[in-house]
Protein backbone atom coordinates (compact mmCIF):
# COMPACT_ATOMS: atom_id res chain seq x y z
CA MET A 1 -10.70 120.47 -70.38
CA SER A 2 -7.38 119.95 -72.18
CA PRO A 3 -5.31 118.61 -73.67
CA THR A 4 -7.25 118.23 -76.94
CA PRO A 5 -6.09 115.55 -79.31
CA THR A 6 -7.08 115.97 -83.00
CA VAL A 7 -6.83 113.71 -86.00
CA ARG A 8 -6.90 114.96 -89.41
CA ARG A 9 -9.81 113.16 -91.39
CA ALA A 10 -10.02 115.24 -94.67
CA LEU A 11 -7.53 117.88 -95.64
CA PRO A 12 -7.39 120.24 -98.63
CA GLU A 13 -4.38 119.84 -101.03
CA ASP A 14 -2.77 122.88 -99.77
CA ALA A 15 -2.39 121.71 -96.26
CA GLU A 16 -0.67 124.80 -94.92
CA ALA A 17 -3.74 126.87 -95.87
CA CYS A 18 -5.60 124.99 -92.97
CA ARG A 19 -3.80 126.09 -89.78
CA ILE A 20 -4.30 126.64 -86.09
CA ARG A 21 -3.03 129.21 -83.70
CA VAL A 22 -2.65 128.22 -80.04
CA GLY A 23 -1.36 131.07 -78.10
CA GLU A 24 1.38 132.47 -80.35
CA ASP A 25 2.19 129.22 -81.96
CA PHE A 26 0.90 128.52 -85.54
CA ARG A 27 0.69 124.94 -86.92
CA HIS A 28 -1.07 123.10 -89.72
CA TRP A 29 -2.38 119.54 -89.95
CA GLU A 30 -0.33 117.08 -91.89
CA ARG A 31 -1.50 114.04 -93.86
CA GLY A 32 -1.53 111.01 -91.66
CA GLY A 33 -0.70 113.13 -88.56
CA SER A 34 -2.25 114.14 -85.43
CA MET A 35 -1.96 117.06 -83.03
CA ILE A 36 -2.53 117.66 -79.31
CA PHE A 37 -2.98 121.16 -77.89
CA ASP A 38 -4.19 122.72 -74.71
CA ASP A 39 -7.45 124.36 -75.32
CA THR A 40 -7.16 126.48 -72.15
CA TYR A 41 -4.94 128.76 -74.31
CA ASN A 42 -6.50 131.18 -76.71
CA HIS A 43 -6.90 129.37 -80.14
CA GLU A 44 -8.37 129.74 -83.52
CA VAL A 45 -8.31 127.95 -86.97
CA TRP A 46 -8.45 129.04 -90.52
CA ASN A 47 -9.27 127.19 -93.85
CA ASP A 48 -8.23 129.50 -96.52
CA THR A 49 -9.26 127.12 -99.30
CA ASP A 50 -12.62 126.21 -101.05
CA GLU A 51 -12.12 122.60 -99.89
CA THR A 52 -13.57 120.82 -96.90
CA ARG A 53 -11.51 120.32 -93.81
CA VAL A 54 -12.61 117.52 -91.41
CA VAL A 55 -10.84 117.14 -88.04
CA LEU A 56 -11.87 114.96 -85.23
CA PHE A 57 -11.62 116.60 -81.76
CA VAL A 58 -11.41 114.59 -78.63
CA ASP A 59 -11.72 116.42 -75.40
CA VAL A 60 -9.75 115.07 -72.40
CA LEU A 61 -10.96 115.98 -68.92
CA ARG A 62 -7.98 116.77 -66.72
CA PRO A 63 -8.00 114.84 -63.48
CA LEU A 64 -8.61 117.17 -60.54
CA PRO A 65 -9.16 116.80 -56.81
CA GLU A 66 -12.60 117.25 -55.40
CA PRO A 67 -14.53 119.47 -55.45
CA TRP A 68 -12.83 120.79 -58.66
CA SER A 69 -13.43 117.59 -60.48
CA THR A 70 -17.15 117.83 -60.00
CA ILE A 71 -17.30 121.54 -60.84
CA ASN A 72 -15.31 120.90 -64.03
CA ARG A 73 -17.68 118.17 -65.20
CA LEU A 74 -20.67 120.37 -64.43
CA ILE A 75 -19.11 123.14 -66.46
CA VAL A 76 -18.33 120.81 -69.44
CA LYS A 77 -21.90 119.42 -69.27
CA ALA A 78 -23.32 122.91 -69.19
CA ILE A 79 -21.24 123.94 -72.25
CA GLY A 80 -22.93 121.10 -74.13
CA TYR A 81 -26.28 123.07 -73.83
CA SER A 82 -24.91 126.40 -74.87
CA PRO A 83 -26.39 127.96 -77.98
CA PHE A 84 -22.97 127.83 -79.63
CA VAL A 85 -22.61 124.02 -79.24
CA LEU A 86 -26.29 123.35 -80.01
CA ASP A 87 -25.94 125.35 -83.17
CA ALA A 88 -22.83 123.34 -84.10
CA LYS A 89 -24.66 120.10 -83.42
CA ARG A 90 -27.58 121.24 -85.72
CA ASN A 91 -24.97 122.10 -88.44
CA GLN A 92 -23.21 118.75 -88.03
CA GLU A 93 -26.56 116.87 -88.38
CA ALA A 94 -27.55 118.88 -91.43
CA TRP A 95 -24.22 118.14 -93.00
CA GLU A 96 -24.64 114.45 -92.41
CA ARG A 97 -28.01 114.43 -93.96
CA ARG A 98 -26.71 116.24 -97.05
CA TYR A 99 -23.70 113.84 -97.16
CA LEU A 100 -25.86 110.78 -96.93
CA ALA A 101 -28.27 112.05 -99.67
CA HIS A 102 -25.38 112.79 -101.93
CA ARG A 103 -23.83 109.43 -101.22
CA GLN A 104 -27.11 107.58 -101.90
CA GLY A 105 -27.62 109.52 -105.11
CA GLN A 106 -24.16 108.43 -106.23
CA GLN A 107 -24.89 104.75 -105.63
CA ALA A 108 -28.34 104.81 -107.53
């Protein structure tokens, strides 16, 4: 995979407290901005606030010649079944249920 475009959806007031490191380069999301990075480089993120950070990640499959293209698609599909990704999916679904319940409670 790579590049990986991201779009900031919710950002804490102290935007610089939410940052990403890709290789040796450090950046932070900016209001109204977007970012593209190559996720084949070592990367990690921090949110040093008590606020929620929501970022939309879009993975872009790099065009490759056969048989590498098929191998790449199979690897990406396999990653979707990894415990790490399945746990993230369960966390996302639980967050959505809590959010919807909270939102419905506010409308009542």
